[in-house]
């Protein structure tokens, strides 16, 4: 008995066959996991979201992208401009880059180090009271950044993973600042996570006794463990699986990613390949969940959708202040 549901980004398989997460190239044909060369994602104008923005009562608002020199920051800038949002010509960066000017989508962005951030953000709020901040900095500065956003009172979308998430939520709750906080900005992946959450709530203990193998592969520059992986593992625990985070097979070596994981060479510098393999106690049944993302457009588009979503909440003075990407999905912004 077996089934397979597959798209370019997500693969779900069930088959009465045991397999390992990594395997030699010459065994690919005989395993559950088949390497596939995903098409290069193309970034295009988000017409649906642009039309929605134009028809809504929200004027195209300015967006400040902190960490704009990184690859995610640049991708978000392109996505934001494509739907008509204005880039604030200032961005938080490291002290080493402070004072530099970079060009993004035709806008000259001045970079500011840690010592300047409070003054810069205050001036941005004074000039652009309807600004939305997007954060794609580094995990080590996440909590410090959130404390500043809350102190100044600016609504923000937190795309950076890592940090003390519990402390982050407490800080935002106490400050009553509007925010979208999510470890995963790709809406389609979030929908997959939501489905697992429903499984865990509706069918707790379904996979009791099953063993779990987890592999996550990201570009070498990603030092922290994927927040999405942690969320998926949390769902599997609700389903009865025993698994510790130190059991995650975290791959950052380009050669291994190319030869064993199946990451296209052109996407070694930007990808997210996740595989979750469940095996029954007698090893006669196995389930596999897989989602592969090449490039960053899925996250950039989701981030801009989150910013637009947050702007509507600020404008309507919504009672709820803290949101995640599932809340964005529930607004019907899938595209």
Protein backbone atom coordinates (compact mmCIF):
# COMPACT_ATOMS: atom_id res chain seq x y z
CA UNK A 1 0.00 0.00 0.00
CA UNK A 2 1.34 3.43 -0.78
CA UNK A 3 0.48 6.95 -1.77
CA UNK A 4 2.34 9.98 -3.06
CA UNK A 5 1.30 13.62 -3.15
CA UNK A 6 3.84 15.80 -4.91
CA UNK A 7 4.27 19.34 -6.11
CA UNK A 8 7.41 21.32 -6.95
CA UNK A 9 7.84 22.27 -3.31
CA UNK A 10 6.22 19.57 -1.16
CA UNK A 11 6.41 15.79 -1.31
CA UNK A 12 4.42 13.48 0.97
CA UNK A 13 4.85 9.74 0.65
CA UNK A 14 3.70 6.68 2.51
CA UNK A 15 4.98 3.25 1.66
CA UNK A 16 5.64 -0.05 3.39
CA UNK A 17 9.36 0.33 2.91
CA UNK A 18 12.21 1.39 5.15
CA UNK A 19 14.64 4.01 3.91
CA UNK A 20 17.24 6.36 5.30
CA UNK A 21 17.26 10.11 4.89
CA UNK A 22 20.59 10.24 3.09
CA UNK A 23 21.72 7.79 0.47
CA UNK A 24 24.38 7.37 -2.23
CA UNK A 25 23.65 8.84 -5.63
CA UNK A 26 23.50 5.40 -7.31
CA UNK A 27 20.70 4.26 -4.98
CA UNK A 28 18.31 7.09 -5.75
CA UNK A 29 16.07 5.08 -8.09
CA UNK A 30 15.50 2.37 -5.49
CA UNK A 31 14.55 4.59 -2.57
CA UNK A 32 11.49 6.45 -1.43
CA UNK A 33 13.23 9.81 -1.74
CA UNK A 34 13.89 10.66 -5.34
CA UNK A 35 16.10 13.56 -6.21
CA UNK A 36 14.36 16.01 -8.44
CA UNK A 37 15.69 19.10 -10.13
CA UNK A 38 13.28 21.85 -9.23
CA UNK A 39 12.73 24.62 -11.75
CA UNK A 40 14.54 27.86 -10.96
CA UNK A 41 11.96 30.06 -9.18
CA UNK A 42 11.21 33.26 -11.04
CA UNK A 43 10.27 36.39 -9.15
CA UNK A 44 7.35 38.20 -10.73
CA UNK A 45 5.03 41.03 -9.80
CA UNK A 46 2.35 39.93 -7.36
CA UNK A 47 -0.60 41.25 -9.34
CA UNK A 48 -3.24 39.80 -7.04
CA UNK A 49 -1.79 41.45 -3.96
CA UNK A 50 -1.11 44.69 -5.82
CA UNK A 51 -4.72 44.89 -6.98
CA UNK A 52 -5.95 44.11 -3.47
CA UNK A 53 -3.76 46.85 -2.05
CA UNK A 54 -5.01 49.35 -4.61
CA UNK A 55 -8.66 48.50 -3.98
CA UNK A 56 -8.35 48.62 -0.20
CA UNK A 57 -8.55 51.76 1.91
CA UNK A 58 -4.84 51.38 2.75
CA UNK A 59 -2.59 53.75 0.89
CA UNK A 60 0.72 52.22 -0.26
CA UNK A 61 2.63 52.46 2.99
CA UNK A 62 6.38 52.78 3.52
CA UNK A 63 8.36 49.73 4.60
CA UNK A 64 11.68 49.73 6.45
CA UNK A 65 13.74 46.59 5.87
CA UNK A 66 16.34 45.96 8.54
CA UNK A 67 19.07 43.62 7.35
CA UNK A 68 18.51 44.76 3.77
CA UNK A 69 22.05 43.84 2.69
CA UNK A 70 21.35 40.14 3.23
CA UNK A 71 19.85 37.96 0.53
CA UNK A 72 16.47 37.78 2.26
CA UNK A 73 16.41 41.52 2.80
CA UNK A 74 17.08 42.13 -0.88
CA UNK A 75 14.40 39.65 -1.93
CA UNK A 76 11.84 41.36 0.33
CA UNK A 77 12.76 44.75 -1.11
CA UNK A 78 12.10 43.49 -4.62
CA UNK A 79 8.78 41.96 -3.56
CA UNK A 80 7.73 45.14 -1.75
CA UNK A 81 8.51 47.44 -4.67
CA UNK A 82 6.71 45.08 -7.06
CA UNK A 83 3.41 45.73 -5.26
CA UNK A 84 3.93 49.49 -4.98
CA UNK A 85 5.33 49.85 -1.46
CA UNK A 86 7.86 52.59 -0.73
CA UNK A 87 11.27 51.65 0.67
CA UNK A 88 12.48 53.73 3.61
CA UNK A 89 16.05 54.81 2.73
CA UNK A 90 17.42 53.61 6.06
CA UNK A 91 18.24 50.17 7.43
CA UNK A 92 19.83 48.56 10.48
CA UNK A 93 23.09 46.75 9.84
CA UNK A 94 26.30 45.80 11.62
CA UNK A 95 28.65 48.37 13.13
CA UNK A 96 31.20 47.48 10.44
CA UNK A 97 28.82 48.56 7.66
CA UNK A 98 27.46 51.62 9.47
CA UNK A 99 27.53 54.69 7.24
CA UNK A 100 27.57 52.73 3.98
CA UNK A 101 24.97 53.30 1.28
CA UNK A 102 23.56 50.46 -0.79
CA UNK A 103 21.12 50.63 -3.67
CA UNK A 104 17.99 48.47 -3.62
CA UNK A 105 15.41 48.64 -6.40
CA UNK A 106 16.52 52.15 -7.35
CA UNK A 107 16.56 53.48 -3.77
CA UNK A 108 19.74 54.47 -1.94
CA UNK A 109 19.60 52.92 1.54
CA UNK A 110 21.85 54.23 4.31
CA UNK A 111 23.02 51.63 6.82
CA UNK A 112 23.08 52.31 10.56
CA UNK A 113 24.93 50.44 13.27
CA UNK A 114 23.65 49.47 16.76
CA UNK A 115 24.54 52.75 18.46
CA UNK A 116 22.37 54.76 16.03
CA UNK A 117 19.30 52.58 15.90
CA UNK A 118 17.02 54.21 18.44
CA UNK A 119 17.52 57.71 17.06
CA UNK A 120 17.13 56.54 13.46
CA UNK A 121 13.95 54.61 14.17
CA UNK A 122 12.44 57.52 16.07
CA UNK A 123 13.10 59.85 13.13
CA UNK A 124 11.58 57.34 10.71
CA UNK A 125 8.41 57.18 12.81
CA UNK A 126 8.20 60.97 12.94
CA UNK A 127 8.45 61.25 9.14
CA UNK A 128 6.44 58.11 8.30
CA UNK A 129 3.92 57.33 11.08
CA UNK A 130 2.37 54.52 9.02
CA UNK A 131 5.65 52.65 8.44
CA UNK A 132 5.90 48.87 8.84
CA UNK A 133 9.30 47.47 9.81
CA UNK A 134 10.52 44.14 8.46
CA UNK A 135 13.35 42.42 10.30
CA UNK A 136 15.78 40.07 8.55
CA UNK A 137 18.84 40.71 10.65
CA UNK A 138 20.66 37.95 12.59
CA UNK A 139 19.46 35.60 15.38
CA UNK A 140 21.85 37.08 17.96
CA UNK A 141 20.16 40.51 17.78
CA UNK A 142 16.52 39.41 17.54
CA UNK A 143 15.47 40.12 21.12
CA UNK A 144 17.36 43.39 21.27
CA UNK A 145 15.66 44.52 18.06
CA UNK A 146 12.20 43.56 19.33
CA UNK A 147 12.80 45.50 22.55
CA UNK A 148 13.64 48.57 20.47
CA UNK A 149 10.61 48.20 18.19
CA UNK A 150 8.40 47.91 21.26
CA UNK A 151 10.05 50.87 22.99
CA UNK A 152 9.49 53.09 19.94
CA UNK A 153 6.06 51.55 19.28
CA UNK A 154 6.52 50.58 15.64
CA UNK A 155 4.60 47.65 14.09
CA UNK A 156 6.93 45.00 12.71
CA UNK A 157 7.18 41.71 10.85
CA UNK A 158 9.80 39.44 12.38
CA UNK A 159 11.28 37.21 9.68
CA UNK A 160 14.51 36.46 11.54
CA UNK A 161 14.59 33.09 13.27
CA UNK A 162 16.32 32.29 16.54
CA UNK A 163 16.53 34.24 19.77
CA UNK A 164 14.44 33.70 22.88
CA UNK A 165 10.98 33.47 21.33
CA UNK A 166 9.14 33.25 24.65
CA UNK A 167 10.80 36.45 25.85
CA UNK A 168 10.01 38.06 22.50
CA UNK A 169 6.29 37.37 22.82
CA UNK A 170 6.25 38.66 26.40
CA UNK A 171 7.96 41.89 25.31
CA UNK A 172 5.46 42.48 22.52
CA UNK A 173 2.48 41.63 24.70
CA UNK A 174 3.59 44.04 27.41
CA UNK A 175 4.14 46.83 24.88
CA UNK A 176 0.89 46.12 22.98
CA UNK A 177 2.65 46.63 19.67
CA UNK A 178 1.27 45.16 16.44
CA UNK A 179 3.49 42.40 15.08
CA UNK A 180 3.58 39.34 12.84
CA UNK A 181 6.01 36.83 14.29
CA UNK A 182 6.60 33.54 12.53
CA UNK A 183 9.53 31.15 12.11
CA UNK A 184 8.32 30.47 8.57
CA UNK A 185 7.15 33.11 6.09
CA UNK A 186 6.41 30.81 3.16
CA UNK A 187 2.62 30.61 3.23
CA UNK A 188 2.37 27.26 1.48
CA UNK A 189 4.78 25.72 4.00
CA UNK A 190 2.80 27.34 6.80
CA UNK A 191 -0.37 25.71 5.45
CA UNK A 192 1.45 22.35 5.62
CA UNK A 193 2.42 23.10 9.23
CA UNK A 194 -1.17 24.01 10.04
CA UNK A 195 -2.33 20.66 8.67
CA UNK A 196 0.12 18.88 10.97
CA UNK A 197 -1.13 20.96 13.89
CA UNK A 198 -4.69 19.85 13.15
CA UNK A 199 -3.54 16.23 13.01
CA UNK A 200 -1.87 16.60 16.39
CA UNK A 201 -4.96 18.15 17.95
CA UNK A 202 -7.50 15.80 16.39
CA UNK A 203 -5.54 12.55 16.50
CA UNK A 204 -3.08 12.71 19.43
CA UNK A 205 -0.88 9.67 19.86
CA UNK A 206 -1.57 8.33 16.35
CA UNK A 207 2.13 7.64 15.77
CA UNK A 208 2.98 6.40 19.26
CA UNK A 209 5.94 4.05 19.10
CA UNK A 210 7.06 5.25 15.66
CA UNK A 211 10.66 6.36 15.27
CA UNK A 212 11.47 9.63 13.53
CA UNK A 213 14.40 10.73 11.40
CA UNK A 214 14.73 14.42 10.54
CA UNK A 215 17.04 16.04 8.02
CA UNK A 216 17.21 19.76 7.26
CA UNK A 217 19.54 21.25 4.67
CA UNK A 218 20.15 24.97 4.33
CA UNK A 219 22.86 27.20 2.87
CA UNK A 220 26.13 27.16 4.80
CA UNK A 221 25.55 30.69 6.09
CA UNK A 222 22.51 29.60 8.14
CA UNK A 223 24.00 28.80 11.52
CA UNK A 224 20.86 28.10 13.56
CA UNK A 225 18.54 25.12 13.36
CA UNK A 226 15.48 25.71 11.22
CA UNK A 227 12.54 27.10 13.18
CA UNK A 228 10.21 25.28 10.80
CA UNK A 229 11.82 21.95 11.69
CA UNK A 230 11.27 22.68 15.37
CA UNK A 231 7.60 23.42 14.69
CA UNK A 232 7.14 20.18 12.73
CA UNK A 233 8.83 18.15 15.46
CA UNK A 234 6.47 19.74 17.99
CA UNK A 235 3.53 18.50 15.91
CA UNK A 236 4.95 14.98 15.72
CA UNK A 237 5.39 14.95 19.48
CA UNK A 238 1.67 15.65 19.82
CA UNK A 239 1.12 12.66 17.56
CA UNK A 240 3.02 10.49 20.02
CA UNK A 241 6.54 10.49 18.60
CA UNK A 242 9.51 10.78 20.95
CA UNK A 243 12.25 12.95 19.45
CA UNK A 244 14.89 15.35 20.76
CA UNK A 245 16.19 18.37 18.86
CA UNK A 246 19.80 17.15 19.05
CA UNK A 247 18.76 14.21 16.85
CA UNK A 248 18.16 16.52 13.89
CA UNK A 249 20.48 15.82 10.97
CA UNK A 250 21.55 19.38 10.11
CA UNK A 251 23.40 19.63 6.80
CA UNK A 252 25.39 22.69 5.78
CA UNK A 253 28.15 21.12 3.67
CA UNK A 254 27.64 22.04 -0.02
CA UNK A 255 29.17 18.79 -1.31
CA UNK A 256 26.81 16.68 0.79
CA UNK A 257 23.88 18.87 -0.24
CA UNK A 258 24.72 18.47 -3.91
CA UNK A 259 25.57 14.76 -3.98
CA UNK A 260 23.38 13.27 -1.25
CA UNK A 261 20.46 15.61 -0.64
CA UNK A 262 19.85 16.58 -4.26
CA UNK A 263 20.03 20.36 -4.00
CA UNK A 264 20.49 21.96 -7.45
CA UNK A 265 23.95 23.48 -7.66
CA UNK A 266 22.63 26.95 -8.47
CA UNK A 267 20.66 26.93 -5.20
CA UNK A 268 23.35 25.79 -2.79
CA UNK A 269 23.57 29.38 -1.55
CA UNK A 270 19.82 29.62 -0.90
CA UNK A 271 17.57 26.64 -0.21
CA UNK A 272 15.55 24.80 2.44
CA UNK A 273 15.20 21.04 2.03
CA UNK A 274 13.39 19.26 4.88
CA UNK A 275 12.62 15.55 5.23
CA UNK A 276 10.77 13.78 8.03
CA UNK A 277 10.74 9.97 7.99
CA UNK A 278 8.52 7.96 10.35
CA UNK A 279 8.92 4.19 10.80
CA UNK A 280 6.61 1.82 12.67
CA UNK A 281 7.98 -0.23 15.61
CA UNK A 282 8.10 -3.41 13.49
CA UNK A 283 9.54 -1.43 10.53
CA UNK A 284 6.83 -2.61 8.15
CA UNK A 285 5.29 0.82 7.59
CA UNK A 286 6.90 4.17 6.93
CA UNK A 287 5.67 7.70 6.26
CA UNK A 288 7.68 10.49 4.74
CA UNK A 289 6.97 14.21 4.61
CA UNK A 290 9.20 16.44 2.53
CA UNK A 291 9.20 20.06 1.48
CA UNK A 292 11.94 21.50 -0.73
CA UNK A 293 12.35 25.20 -1.41
CA UNK A 294 14.89 26.67 -3.81
CA UNK A 295 15.58 30.39 -3.64
CA UNK A 296 13.86 32.97 -1.44
CA UNK A 297 10.88 34.26 -3.40
CA UNK A 298 8.35 32.20 -1.40
CA UNK A 299 9.53 33.84 1.83
CA UNK A 300 9.79 37.33 0.34
CA UNK A 301 6.26 37.25 -1.05
CA UNK A 302 4.92 35.90 2.24
CA UNK A 303 6.74 38.63 4.15
CA UNK A 304 5.20 41.38 2.03
CA UNK A 305 1.78 39.79 2.45
CA UNK A 306 2.37 39.79 6.21
CA UNK A 307 3.31 43.49 6.11
CA UNK A 308 0.16 44.37 4.16
CA UNK A 309 -1.91 42.25 6.54
CA UNK A 310 -0.35 44.02 9.53
CA UNK A 311 -1.00 47.45 8.03
CA UNK A 312 -4.72 46.61 7.80
CA UNK A 313 -4.75 45.58 11.46
CA UNK A 314 -3.02 48.78 12.55
CA UNK A 315 -5.39 50.92 10.50
CA UNK A 316 -8.49 49.16 11.84
CA UNK A 317 -7.12 49.31 15.40
CA UNK A 318 -7.69 45.58 15.81
CA UNK A 319 -7.93 44.36 19.37
CA UNK A 320 -5.51 41.51 18.74
CA UNK A 321 -1.92 42.70 18.43
CA UNK A 322 0.32 39.64 17.87
CA UNK A 323 -0.18 37.52 14.76
CA UNK A 324 1.50 34.68 12.89
CA UNK A 325 1.41 33.51 9.29
CA UNK A 326 -1.61 31.29 9.92
CA UNK A 327 -3.51 34.48 10.72
CA UNK A 328 -2.33 35.87 7.38
CA UNK A 329 -3.58 32.74 5.62
CA UNK A 330 -6.97 33.05 7.25
CA UNK A 331 -7.38 36.47 5.67
CA UNK A 332 -7.50 34.71 2.29
CA UNK A 333 -4.23 36.06 0.92
CA UNK A 334 -3.05 32.80 -0.65
CA UNK A 335 -1.83 33.28 -4.22
